[in-house]
Amino acid sequence: MKLKVVGAGLLLVALGLGMVYRDAFLVACGDYLISDGALDKVGAILVLSGGVPERMLEAVDLYKEGYAPRIVITKAEEPENQNFLRALGVVDPEVHEVNLQIAAKLDTPDTAITVLEPRVNSTYRELEVLRDYCLAQGFQSVILVTSKPHTTRSYKIFQHLAEGRIQAISRPSRYDTFNPQSWWKDRRMAKEVFYEYQKLVNFYLVER
């Protein structure tokens, strides 16, 4: 009887330790996806497409705080069947259009914002377009603004593409609600994490 009690106690301890280590591992997985560099004055603030409104809100804050004289945004690939909606007179603004509206509502001068062409359909392609623009403008350093779990991958891709010619400061939006301490308890956050790790593998094995 005593052996059974001791055995049950050891099992409970083992399960408790397993939960602790499991949570620590999951927190580490969430933390890894977030890259946050020390802010400094740069040539431009680059805002990656998506993550409305948190990415543009962060960019406008940084602009108003004096970190850069310019905000640069891109155009994502036009949504499928967008032409049918517009033909019907249905207002369905694209991400870059929403970002421009956010900036305008926050009294950001039109002259402080650049919208790049061509349209992009992936983070890798988007960062290629941003890199080319920065090189053409002679920027030596930039702030790369995106959502929290998107920062590590986008920073690594930009470093790879810039090849040391442009210094990037990774900046996760303070408005993003992603929580690395409990992401696995939220379906939306869990999808973000799994998606980012899948894309990281793709970057290391294919894109790079």
Protein backbone atom coordinates (compact mmCIF):
# COMPACT_ATOMS: atom_id res chain seq x y z
CA MET A 1 0.00 0.00 0.00
CA LYS A 2 2.80 2.37 0.93
CA LEU A 3 4.54 1.63 -2.37
CA LYS A 4 1.37 2.54 -4.27
CA VAL A 5 1.08 5.86 -2.43
CA VAL A 6 4.74 6.67 -3.05
CA GLY A 7 4.39 5.68 -6.69
CA ALA A 8 1.32 7.89 -7.12
CA GLY A 9 3.18 10.77 -5.48
CA LEU A 10 6.17 10.40 -7.78
CA LEU A 11 3.86 10.27 -10.80
CA LEU A 12 2.20 13.53 -9.75
CA VAL A 13 5.59 15.17 -9.27
CA ALA A 14 6.72 13.96 -12.68
CA LEU A 15 3.55 15.28 -14.32
CA GLY A 16 4.00 18.62 -12.55
CA LEU A 17 7.60 18.93 -13.73
CA GLY A 18 6.51 17.96 -17.22
CA MET A 19 3.97 20.78 -17.29
CA VAL A 20 6.56 23.28 -16.05
CA TYR A 21 9.11 22.29 -18.69
CA ARG A 22 6.41 22.16 -21.37
CA ASP A 23 5.31 25.71 -20.60
CA ALA A 24 8.92 26.91 -20.50
CA PHE A 25 9.53 25.37 -23.92
CA LEU A 26 6.40 26.94 -25.40
CA VAL A 27 7.30 30.36 -23.97
CA ALA A 28 10.77 30.04 -25.52
CA CYS A 29 9.15 29.23 -28.88
CA GLY A 30 7.05 32.40 -28.65
CA ASP A 31 9.95 34.56 -27.48
CA TYR A 32 12.19 33.42 -30.34
CA LEU A 33 9.79 34.85 -32.91
CA ILE A 34 10.10 38.37 -31.46
CA SER A 35 13.15 40.47 -32.35
CA ASP A 36 13.29 43.94 -30.80
CA GLY A 37 16.31 46.11 -31.56
CA ALA A 38 17.50 49.26 -29.80
CA LEU A 39 15.92 52.26 -31.50
CA ASP A 40 18.03 54.94 -33.18
CA LYS A 41 17.51 57.61 -35.80
CA VAL A 42 17.41 56.14 -39.31
CA GLY A 43 16.70 57.04 -42.91
CA ALA A 44 13.20 55.56 -43.05
CA ILE A 45 10.60 53.48 -41.24
CA LEU A 46 9.60 50.46 -43.32
CA VAL A 47 6.14 49.05 -42.62
CA LEU A 48 5.46 45.50 -43.78
CA SER A 49 2.05 44.89 -45.31
CA GLY A 50 -0.62 43.28 -43.13
CA GLY A 51 -1.24 43.54 -39.41
CA VAL A 52 -3.80 46.33 -39.61
CA PRO A 53 -3.86 48.63 -37.71
CA GLU A 54 -1.02 47.82 -35.30
CA ARG A 55 1.90 48.10 -37.73
CA MET A 56 0.97 51.53 -39.09
CA LEU A 57 0.12 52.84 -35.62
CA GLU A 58 3.62 51.90 -34.50
CA ALA A 59 5.20 53.50 -37.57
CA VAL A 60 3.34 56.78 -37.03
CA ASP A 61 4.41 56.83 -33.37
CA LEU A 62 8.05 56.33 -34.36
CA TYR A 63 7.76 59.04 -37.01
CA LYS A 64 6.30 61.50 -34.49
CA GLU A 65 9.00 60.55 -31.98
CA GLY A 66 11.55 61.70 -34.53
CA TYR A 67 13.23 58.41 -35.42
CA ALA A 68 12.91 58.95 -39.18
CA PRO A 69 11.59 61.59 -41.61
CA ARG A 70 9.82 59.05 -43.82
CA ILE A 71 7.41 56.10 -43.60
CA VAL A 72 7.54 53.58 -46.44
CA ILE A 73 4.73 51.12 -47.16
CA THR A 74 4.15 48.52 -49.86
CA LYS A 75 1.19 47.29 -51.87
CA ALA A 76 0.18 43.67 -51.36
CA GLU A 77 -1.05 41.61 -54.26
CA GLU A 78 -4.56 42.73 -55.15
CA PRO A 79 -7.17 40.52 -53.45
CA GLU A 80 -8.92 38.01 -55.67
CA ASN A 81 -12.12 39.31 -57.30
CA GLN A 82 -11.45 42.84 -56.02
CA ASN A 83 -12.51 44.18 -59.43
CA PHE A 84 -16.00 42.68 -59.03
CA LEU A 85 -16.47 44.44 -55.69
CA ARG A 86 -15.38 47.76 -57.11
CA ALA A 87 -17.65 47.30 -60.14
CA LEU A 88 -20.55 46.86 -57.71
CA GLY A 89 -19.53 49.98 -55.82
CA VAL A 90 -18.62 48.01 -52.70
CA VAL A 91 -15.96 49.79 -50.67
CA ASP A 92 -13.30 47.27 -49.66
CA PRO A 93 -10.04 49.16 -49.11
CA GLU A 94 -6.74 47.35 -49.49
CA VAL A 95 -4.20 47.21 -46.68
CA HIS A 96 -2.06 50.05 -48.02
CA GLU A 97 -5.17 52.20 -48.43
CA VAL A 98 -6.17 51.56 -44.81
CA ASN A 99 -2.64 52.41 -43.70
CA LEU A 100 -2.83 55.72 -45.55
CA GLN A 101 -6.14 56.46 -43.87
CA ILE A 102 -4.66 55.69 -40.44
CA ALA A 103 -1.74 58.02 -41.10
CA ALA A 104 -4.07 60.78 -42.28
CA LYS A 105 -6.31 60.44 -39.21
CA LEU A 106 -3.20 60.82 -37.04
CA ASP A 107 -2.18 64.00 -38.87
CA THR A 108 0.82 62.52 -40.64
CA PRO A 109 1.81 64.66 -43.65
CA ASP A 110 1.25 63.04 -47.05
CA THR A 111 4.76 64.10 -48.00
CA ALA A 112 6.18 61.88 -45.23
CA ILE A 113 4.78 58.66 -46.72
CA THR A 114 6.01 56.72 -49.73
CA VAL A 115 3.96 53.90 -51.29
CA LEU A 116 6.10 51.51 -53.30
CA GLU A 117 5.44 49.59 -56.47
CA PRO A 118 5.33 46.83 -57.66
CA ARG A 119 2.79 44.78 -55.76
CA VAL A 120 4.20 41.97 -53.63
CA ASN A 121 2.87 38.51 -52.78
CA SER A 122 5.26 37.33 -50.06
CA THR A 123 7.40 38.69 -47.24
CA TYR A 124 10.55 37.76 -49.16
CA ARG A 125 9.45 39.64 -52.28
CA GLU A 126 8.26 42.59 -50.20
CA LEU A 127 11.64 42.88 -48.51
CA GLU A 128 13.39 42.68 -51.88
CA VAL A 129 11.36 45.70 -53.04
CA LEU A 130 12.09 47.56 -49.81
CA ARG A 131 15.79 46.76 -50.05
CA ASP A 132 15.99 48.05 -53.62
CA TYR A 133 14.25 51.28 -52.62
CA CYS A 134 16.57 51.81 -49.65
CA LEU A 135 19.67 51.24 -51.76
CA ALA A 136 18.41 53.64 -54.42
CA GLN A 137 17.77 56.27 -51.75
CA GLY A 138 21.14 55.69 -50.12
CA PHE A 139 19.70 54.76 -46.72
CA GLN A 140 22.32 53.25 -44.43
CA SER A 141 19.88 52.26 -41.68
CA VAL A 142 16.14 51.66 -41.35
CA ILE A 143 13.55 50.57 -38.81
CA LEU A 144 11.59 47.50 -39.85
CA VAL A 145 8.09 47.58 -38.34
CA THR A 146 5.85 44.53 -38.25
CA SER A 147 3.77 42.38 -35.89
CA LYS A 148 5.53 40.76 -32.93
CA PRO A 149 5.72 37.12 -34.14
CA HIS A 150 6.71 38.31 -37.63
CA THR A 151 9.80 40.27 -36.53
CA THR A 152 12.43 37.51 -36.37
CA ARG A 153 11.68 36.08 -39.80
CA SER A 154 11.40 39.45 -41.52
CA TYR A 155 14.61 40.66 -39.85
CA LYS A 156 16.53 37.56 -40.94
CA ILE A 157 15.26 37.85 -44.50
CA PHE A 158 16.17 41.54 -44.71
CA GLN A 159 19.66 40.88 -43.31
CA HIS A 160 20.12 38.16 -45.91
CA LEU A 161 18.96 40.40 -48.76
CA ALA A 162 20.81 43.54 -47.64
CA GLU A 163 24.14 41.70 -47.27
CA GLY A 164 25.42 44.25 -44.78
CA ARG A 165 24.70 47.27 -46.99
CA ILE A 166 21.78 48.47 -44.85
CA GLN A 167 21.50 48.21 -41.07
CA ALA A 168 18.00 47.19 -39.99
CA ILE A 169 16.47 47.71 -36.56
CA SER A 170 13.66 45.26 -35.91
CA ARG A 171 10.64 46.83 -34.23
CA PRO A 172 7.57 44.85 -33.11
CA SER A 173 4.43 46.94 -32.85
CA ARG A 174 3.52 47.86 -29.29
CA TYR A 175 -0.13 47.61 -30.38
CA ASP A 176 0.11 43.93 -31.27
CA THR A 177 -1.66 41.77 -28.66
CA PHE A 178 0.45 38.65 -29.28
CA ASN A 179 1.60 37.21 -25.94
CA PRO A 180 4.62 34.85 -25.99
CA GLN A 181 3.82 33.78 -22.42
CA SER A 182 0.52 32.14 -23.31
CA TRP A 183 0.16 31.99 -27.09
CA TRP A 184 -0.77 28.28 -27.13
CA LYS A 185 -3.96 29.06 -25.18
CA ASP A 186 -5.31 31.27 -27.95
CA ARG A 187 -6.29 29.78 -31.32
CA ARG A 188 -5.37 32.87 -33.34
CA MET A 189 -1.97 33.24 -31.70
CA ALA A 190 -1.25 29.53 -32.05
CA LYS A 191 -1.93 29.74 -35.78
CA GLU A 192 0.47 32.69 -36.02
CA VAL A 193 3.24 30.75 -34.27
CA PHE A 194 2.87 27.59 -36.37
CA TYR A 195 2.67 29.68 -39.54
CA GLU A 196 5.86 31.59 -38.66
CA TYR A 197 7.86 28.44 -37.92
CA GLN A 198 6.67 26.91 -41.18
CA LYS A 199 7.80 30.02 -43.04
CA LEU A 200 11.13 30.09 -41.20
CA VAL A 201 11.83 26.55 -42.36
CA ASN A 202 10.91 27.60 -45.90
CA PHE A 203 13.32 30.54 -45.70
CA TYR A 204 16.24 28.40 -44.51
CA LEU A 205 15.62 25.53 -46.93
CA VAL A 206 14.23 27.24 -50.03
CA GLU A 207 14.32 31.04 -50.18
CA ARG A 208 17.84 31.48 -48.87
